[in-house]
């Protein structure tokens, strides 16, 4: 504001004055962001302290980079990092699924059936991961689960899905696809509504088939949305999905279910090593920022679209 021209300042002032009611609607969101996102940021100091919950941030001992050295030399951290990278990679491989699903819905003729499919696939988003994990445990139980009962009909022995670590990654990623595909597809369907229908009509007149229309009109039309969500997904690569992983884990599969966030929870909250946990969280934030800029620049070169 200090380096703006007087004409620009006057324009902003007049805009706020004429639409002050609309700006009032922004206040709750701004207040929530300041209180819950910016105010806690001073807590990053804990990453450089041997934090004592009694002494607080002001009175705790400053230890420099000791917490960072500790988790970088911890073999259990690298096991959690390996799981995080594996699950993040599987998530990126599944990124196109909602796009394909949205295109299929968009190409479907019958509006009534289309709305039903959208509603049914969107509903899982509102189900808690605690409930989903309970359902999965019941369905995949080795002794009484419906899936194993079905396999037994064909003479296949029961599989210990939640007792053998080898199955966990696939159970997790399939659950994420089932839960989030409906929500993500709605974002792409919303982007498709902005495409001018006359473009499709002109393509039909020119003899373009359905695949050609999807490839040359639909996909370029939703590309800004695809790029935006892709950048956000990449930047959250090392964050994982704590709610899902924590709800679905058990000691027998922890070797495959414990991501960096789950590891941080047990060391920080359960173990009381708050400075250690803060150091990991701070490192995750730095990696998220780095990935954000790298993915933004890379996708801008490839597609021509970016967040900034």
Protein backbone atom coordinates (compact mmCIF):
# COMPACT_ATOMS: atom_id res chain seq x y z
CA UNK A 1 0.00 0.00 0.00
CA UNK A 2 2.89 2.41 0.76
CA UNK A 3 4.30 2.13 -2.78
CA UNK A 4 0.98 2.29 -4.61
CA UNK A 5 -0.04 5.24 -6.74
CA UNK A 6 -2.63 7.61 -5.30
CA UNK A 7 -5.03 6.70 -8.11
CA UNK A 8 -4.77 3.01 -7.21
CA UNK A 9 -5.32 3.75 -3.52
CA UNK A 10 -8.39 5.81 -4.38
CA UNK A 11 -9.75 3.03 -6.57
CA UNK A 12 -9.37 0.47 -3.76
CA UNK A 13 -10.95 2.86 -1.25
CA UNK A 14 -13.95 3.51 -3.51
CA UNK A 15 -14.31 -0.21 -4.18
CA UNK A 16 -14.36 -1.06 -0.47
CA UNK A 17 -16.72 1.83 0.29
CA UNK A 18 -19.22 0.85 -2.40
CA UNK A 19 -19.15 -2.90 -1.59
CA UNK A 20 -18.47 -2.84 2.15
CA UNK A 21 -21.27 -5.35 2.84
CA UNK A 22 -19.56 -7.96 0.67
CA UNK A 23 -16.26 -7.35 2.44
CA UNK A 24 -17.99 -7.97 5.77
CA UNK A 25 -18.64 -11.55 4.64
CA UNK A 26 -14.87 -12.02 4.37
CA UNK A 27 -14.24 -11.10 7.99
CA UNK A 28 -15.06 -14.53 9.54
CA UNK A 29 -12.75 -16.29 7.07
CA UNK A 30 -9.97 -13.73 7.61
CA UNK A 31 -10.37 -13.97 11.40
CA UNK A 32 -10.29 -17.80 11.31
CA UNK A 33 -7.17 -17.75 9.14
CA UNK A 34 -5.39 -15.32 11.46
CA UNK A 35 -6.34 -17.22 14.62
CA UNK A 36 -5.86 -20.82 13.46
CA UNK A 37 -3.21 -20.48 10.72
CA UNK A 38 -1.01 -17.48 11.48
CA UNK A 39 -1.21 -17.10 15.26
CA UNK A 40 0.19 -20.63 15.98
CA UNK A 41 3.18 -20.02 13.69
CA UNK A 42 5.24 -18.62 16.55
CA UNK A 43 5.24 -22.20 17.91
CA UNK A 44 7.90 -23.08 15.31
CA UNK A 45 10.38 -21.87 17.96
CA UNK A 46 9.73 -25.20 19.72
CA UNK A 47 11.66 -26.94 16.93
CA UNK A 48 14.83 -25.32 18.27
CA UNK A 49 14.10 -25.97 21.95
CA UNK A 50 13.99 -28.80 24.43
CA UNK A 51 10.41 -27.80 25.05
CA UNK A 52 9.07 -28.08 28.57
CA UNK A 53 5.29 -27.86 28.86
CA UNK A 54 5.62 -26.30 32.32
CA UNK A 55 8.18 -23.64 31.36
CA UNK A 56 6.54 -22.84 28.03
CA UNK A 57 8.21 -21.42 24.94
CA UNK A 58 9.80 -18.49 26.79
CA UNK A 59 11.39 -20.60 29.54
CA UNK A 60 12.37 -23.75 27.60
CA UNK A 61 16.01 -24.51 26.87
CA UNK A 62 17.31 -23.53 23.43
CA UNK A 63 19.11 -26.48 21.75
CA UNK A 64 19.62 -25.20 18.20
CA UNK A 65 19.51 -27.93 15.55
CA UNK A 66 19.66 -30.82 17.99
CA UNK A 67 16.04 -31.90 17.28
CA UNK A 68 16.69 -31.92 13.53
CA UNK A 69 19.85 -34.00 13.95
CA UNK A 70 17.94 -36.42 16.19
CA UNK A 71 15.20 -37.30 13.74
CA UNK A 72 17.52 -37.33 10.73
CA UNK A 73 19.62 -39.96 12.53
CA UNK A 74 16.59 -42.02 13.64
CA UNK A 75 16.06 -45.18 11.55
CA UNK A 76 12.38 -45.28 12.56
CA UNK A 77 11.91 -41.86 10.96
CA UNK A 78 13.26 -43.16 7.65
CA UNK A 79 10.87 -46.11 7.80
CA UNK A 80 7.98 -43.64 8.23
CA UNK A 81 9.39 -41.47 5.42
CA UNK A 82 9.52 -44.51 3.14
CA UNK A 83 5.84 -45.21 3.82
CA UNK A 84 4.96 -41.56 3.22
CA UNK A 85 6.76 -41.51 -0.13
CA UNK A 86 5.15 -44.81 -1.19
CA UNK A 87 1.63 -43.68 -0.27
CA UNK A 88 2.20 -40.24 -1.82
CA UNK A 89 3.38 -41.86 -5.06
CA UNK A 90 0.33 -44.13 -5.17
CA UNK A 91 -1.86 -41.08 -4.61
CA UNK A 92 -0.25 -39.27 -7.56
CA UNK A 93 -0.72 -42.34 -9.78
CA UNK A 94 -4.42 -42.30 -8.88
CA UNK A 95 -4.76 -38.55 -9.54
CA UNK A 96 -6.35 -39.01 -13.05
CA UNK A 97 -9.18 -41.23 -11.72
CA UNK A 98 -11.53 -38.36 -10.73
CA UNK A 99 -10.81 -36.67 -14.07
CA UNK A 100 -11.80 -39.78 -16.02
CA UNK A 101 -14.85 -40.25 -13.78
CA UNK A 102 -15.95 -36.63 -14.29
CA UNK A 103 -15.59 -36.98 -18.08
CA UNK A 104 -17.68 -40.18 -18.05
CA UNK A 105 -20.43 -38.44 -16.07
CA UNK A 106 -20.29 -35.40 -18.34
CA UNK A 107 -20.65 -37.57 -21.45
CA UNK A 108 -23.61 -39.50 -20.05
CA UNK A 109 -26.90 -38.52 -21.66
CA UNK A 110 -29.51 -39.14 -18.99
CA UNK A 111 -29.62 -36.25 -16.51
CA UNK A 112 -31.60 -38.13 -13.84
CA UNK A 113 -29.17 -41.05 -13.70
CA UNK A 114 -26.26 -38.60 -13.82
CA UNK A 115 -27.48 -36.80 -10.70
CA UNK A 116 -27.98 -40.10 -8.86
CA UNK A 117 -24.44 -41.25 -9.70
CA UNK A 118 -23.02 -37.91 -8.56
CA UNK A 119 -24.90 -38.06 -5.26
CA UNK A 120 -23.96 -41.68 -4.52
CA UNK A 121 -20.27 -41.13 -5.26
CA UNK A 122 -20.16 -37.84 -3.33
CA UNK A 123 -21.70 -39.26 -0.13
CA UNK A 124 -18.58 -41.15 1.08
CA UNK A 125 -16.84 -37.80 1.51
CA UNK A 126 -19.07 -37.10 4.53
CA UNK A 127 -18.24 -40.40 6.26
CA UNK A 128 -15.62 -40.19 8.99
CA UNK A 129 -12.41 -42.16 8.55
CA UNK A 130 -13.12 -43.77 11.91
CA UNK A 131 -16.35 -45.23 10.53
CA UNK A 132 -14.69 -46.23 7.26
CA UNK A 133 -11.87 -48.02 9.08
CA UNK A 134 -14.43 -49.88 11.20
CA UNK A 135 -16.30 -50.98 8.07
CA UNK A 136 -13.06 -52.12 6.44
CA UNK A 137 -12.07 -54.13 9.50
CA UNK A 138 -15.45 -55.86 9.46
CA UNK A 139 -15.44 -56.51 5.70
CA UNK A 140 -11.84 -57.76 5.62
CA UNK A 141 -11.79 -59.70 8.88
CA UNK A 142 -10.00 -63.00 8.42
CA UNK A 143 -12.59 -65.05 10.34
CA UNK A 144 -15.95 -63.35 9.73
CA UNK A 145 -15.39 -60.74 7.00
CA UNK A 146 -17.68 -60.69 3.96
CA UNK A 147 -14.74 -60.55 1.53
CA UNK A 148 -13.13 -63.68 2.96
CA UNK A 149 -16.50 -65.43 3.09
CA UNK A 150 -16.84 -64.70 -0.64
CA UNK A 151 -13.33 -66.03 -1.31
CA UNK A 152 -14.06 -69.19 0.68
CA UNK A 153 -16.97 -69.96 -1.65
CA UNK A 154 -14.42 -70.38 -4.47
CA UNK A 155 -12.12 -72.49 -2.32
CA UNK A 156 -9.66 -69.66 -1.58
CA UNK A 157 -8.25 -69.58 1.95
CA UNK A 158 -9.02 -66.58 4.14
CA UNK A 159 -6.56 -63.69 3.87
CA UNK A 160 -5.36 -61.77 6.92
CA UNK A 161 -5.78 -58.35 5.33
CA UNK A 162 -5.26 -56.35 8.52
CA UNK A 163 -2.67 -58.68 10.02
CA UNK A 164 -0.22 -58.78 7.12
CA UNK A 165 1.53 -55.46 6.29
CA UNK A 166 1.85 -56.34 2.60
CA UNK A 167 -1.85 -55.60 1.96
CA UNK A 168 -2.15 -52.28 3.75
CA UNK A 169 -1.02 -49.85 1.05
CA UNK A 170 -3.57 -51.22 -1.43
CA UNK A 171 -6.38 -51.22 1.13
CA UNK A 172 -5.55 -47.63 2.03
CA UNK A 173 -5.35 -46.31 -1.53
CA UNK A 174 -8.58 -48.04 -2.59
CA UNK A 175 -10.35 -46.55 0.44
CA UNK A 176 -9.04 -43.07 -0.47
CA UNK A 177 -10.22 -43.47 -4.07
CA UNK A 178 -13.69 -44.57 -2.90
CA UNK A 179 -13.96 -41.69 -0.43
CA UNK A 180 -12.57 -38.80 -2.47
CA UNK A 181 -13.31 -39.54 -6.14
CA UNK A 182 -16.85 -38.15 -5.96
CA UNK A 183 -15.78 -34.87 -4.37
CA UNK A 184 -12.86 -34.31 -6.74
CA UNK A 185 -14.96 -35.16 -9.79
CA UNK A 186 -17.43 -32.40 -8.85
CA UNK A 187 -14.61 -29.86 -9.10
CA UNK A 188 -13.85 -31.01 -12.64
CA UNK A 189 -17.54 -31.11 -13.58
CA UNK A 190 -17.86 -27.51 -12.39
CA UNK A 191 -14.97 -26.56 -14.66
CA UNK A 192 -16.66 -28.35 -17.58
CA UNK A 193 -19.79 -26.22 -17.21
CA UNK A 194 -17.68 -23.17 -18.13
CA UNK A 195 -16.87 -24.63 -21.56
CA UNK A 196 -18.96 -23.03 -24.29
CA UNK A 197 -21.44 -25.65 -25.69
CA UNK A 198 -21.11 -24.04 -29.11
CA UNK A 199 -17.54 -25.33 -29.22
CA UNK A 200 -18.82 -28.91 -29.06
CA UNK A 201 -21.46 -28.16 -31.71
CA UNK A 202 -18.82 -26.74 -34.05
CA UNK A 203 -16.63 -29.80 -33.49
CA UNK A 204 -19.54 -32.14 -34.32
CA UNK A 205 -20.18 -30.22 -37.54
CA UNK A 206 -16.50 -30.61 -38.41
CA UNK A 207 -16.82 -34.38 -37.96
CA UNK A 208 -15.02 -34.79 -34.63
CA UNK A 209 -15.97 -37.97 -32.76
CA UNK A 210 -16.52 -38.18 -28.99
CA UNK A 211 -12.89 -39.06 -28.16
CA UNK A 212 -11.62 -36.16 -30.27
CA UNK A 213 -14.03 -33.75 -28.59
CA UNK A 214 -12.88 -34.90 -25.14
CA UNK A 215 -9.21 -34.64 -26.07
CA UNK A 216 -9.35 -31.30 -27.90
CA UNK A 217 -12.12 -29.45 -26.02
CA UNK A 218 -12.94 -30.96 -22.62
CA UNK A 219 -9.40 -31.62 -21.38
CA UNK A 220 -8.00 -28.23 -22.45
CA UNK A 221 -11.08 -26.58 -20.92
CA UNK A 222 -10.49 -28.10 -17.47
CA UNK A 223 -6.69 -27.91 -17.62
CA UNK A 224 -6.42 -24.87 -15.28
CA UNK A 225 -8.36 -26.80 -12.62
CA UNK A 226 -6.30 -29.94 -13.21
CA UNK A 227 -3.05 -28.01 -12.83
CA UNK A 228 -4.22 -26.23 -9.67
CA UNK A 229 -5.24 -29.47 -7.95
CA UNK A 230 -2.10 -31.24 -9.17
CA UNK A 231 0.12 -28.54 -7.66
CA UNK A 232 -1.75 -28.73 -4.35
CA UNK A 233 -1.47 -32.53 -4.36
CA UNK A 234 2.28 -32.44 -5.02
CA UNK A 235 2.90 -29.78 -2.38
CA UNK A 236 1.15 -32.02 0.18
CA UNK A 237 3.22 -35.04 -0.85
CA UNK A 238 4.99 -35.39 2.52
CA UNK A 239 1.93 -34.53 4.62
CA UNK A 240 0.05 -37.79 4.17
CA UNK A 241 -3.46 -38.43 5.44
CA UNK A 242 -3.15 -38.64 9.21
CA UNK A 243 -6.85 -39.26 9.94
CA UNK A 244 -7.07 -42.25 7.61
CA UNK A 245 -3.73 -43.80 8.55
CA UNK A 246 -4.22 -43.38 12.28
CA UNK A 247 -7.73 -44.85 12.16
CA UNK A 248 -6.71 -47.84 10.04
CA UNK A 249 -3.41 -48.76 11.70
CA UNK A 250 -2.73 -51.47 14.25
CA UNK A 251 0.57 -52.79 15.71
CA UNK A 252 0.69 -55.71 13.25
CA UNK A 253 0.71 -53.46 10.17
CA UNK A 254 2.41 -50.39 11.67
CA UNK A 255 5.53 -51.11 9.61
CA UNK A 256 3.49 -50.08 6.53
CA UNK A 257 0.88 -47.72 8.02
CA UNK A 258 3.05 -45.34 10.05
CA UNK A 259 3.68 -42.26 7.93
CA UNK A 260 5.73 -39.25 9.02
CA UNK A 261 2.64 -37.64 10.58
CA UNK A 262 1.72 -40.78 12.54
CA UNK A 263 5.35 -41.14 13.65
CA UNK A 264 5.34 -37.47 14.73
CA UNK A 265 2.13 -37.97 16.71
CA UNK A 266 3.54 -40.85 18.72
CA UNK A 267 6.89 -39.16 19.38
CA UNK A 268 5.44 -35.73 20.04
CA UNK A 269 2.00 -36.09 21.61
CA UNK A 270 2.25 -39.57 23.14
CA UNK A 271 5.96 -39.46 23.95
CA UNK A 272 5.99 -35.83 25.06
CA UNK A 273 8.92 -34.89 22.76
CA UNK A 274 7.32 -31.67 21.58
CA UNK A 275 10.48 -30.06 20.24
CA UNK A 276 11.32 -33.20 18.28
CA UNK A 277 7.83 -33.27 16.76
CA UNK A 278 7.93 -29.53 15.99
CA UNK A 279 11.23 -30.01 14.13
CA UNK A 280 9.65 -32.68 11.91
CA UNK A 281 6.60 -30.50 11.30
CA UNK A 282 8.80 -27.53 10.40
CA UNK A 283 10.77 -29.69 7.95
CA UNK A 284 7.51 -30.86 6.35
CA UNK A 285 6.43 -27.24 5.88
CA UNK A 286 9.74 -26.37 4.20
CA UNK A 287 9.40 -29.36 1.86
CA UNK A 288 5.81 -28.36 1.04
CA UNK A 289 6.95 -24.86 0.05
CA UNK A 290 9.81 -26.25 -2.07
CA UNK A 291 7.50 -28.72 -3.83
CA UNK A 292 4.92 -25.98 -4.37
CA UNK A 293 7.37 -23.78 -6.27
CA UNK A 294 8.95 -26.67 -8.18
CA UNK A 295 5.60 -28.15 -9.28
CA UNK A 296 4.23 -24.70 -10.13
CA UNK A 297 7.22 -23.89 -12.34
CA UNK A 298 7.34 -27.36 -13.91
CA UNK A 299 3.65 -27.54 -14.77
CA UNK A 300 3.74 -23.99 -16.11
CA UNK A 301 6.41 -25.04 -18.60
CA UNK A 302 4.50 -28.17 -19.57
CA UNK A 303 0.91 -26.87 -19.71
CA UNK A 304 1.19 -23.10 -19.66
CA UNK A 305 -0.95 -22.88 -16.51
CA UNK A 306 0.12 -22.25 -12.91
CA UNK A 307 -1.08 -21.00 -9.54
CA UNK A 308 1.10 -17.88 -9.65
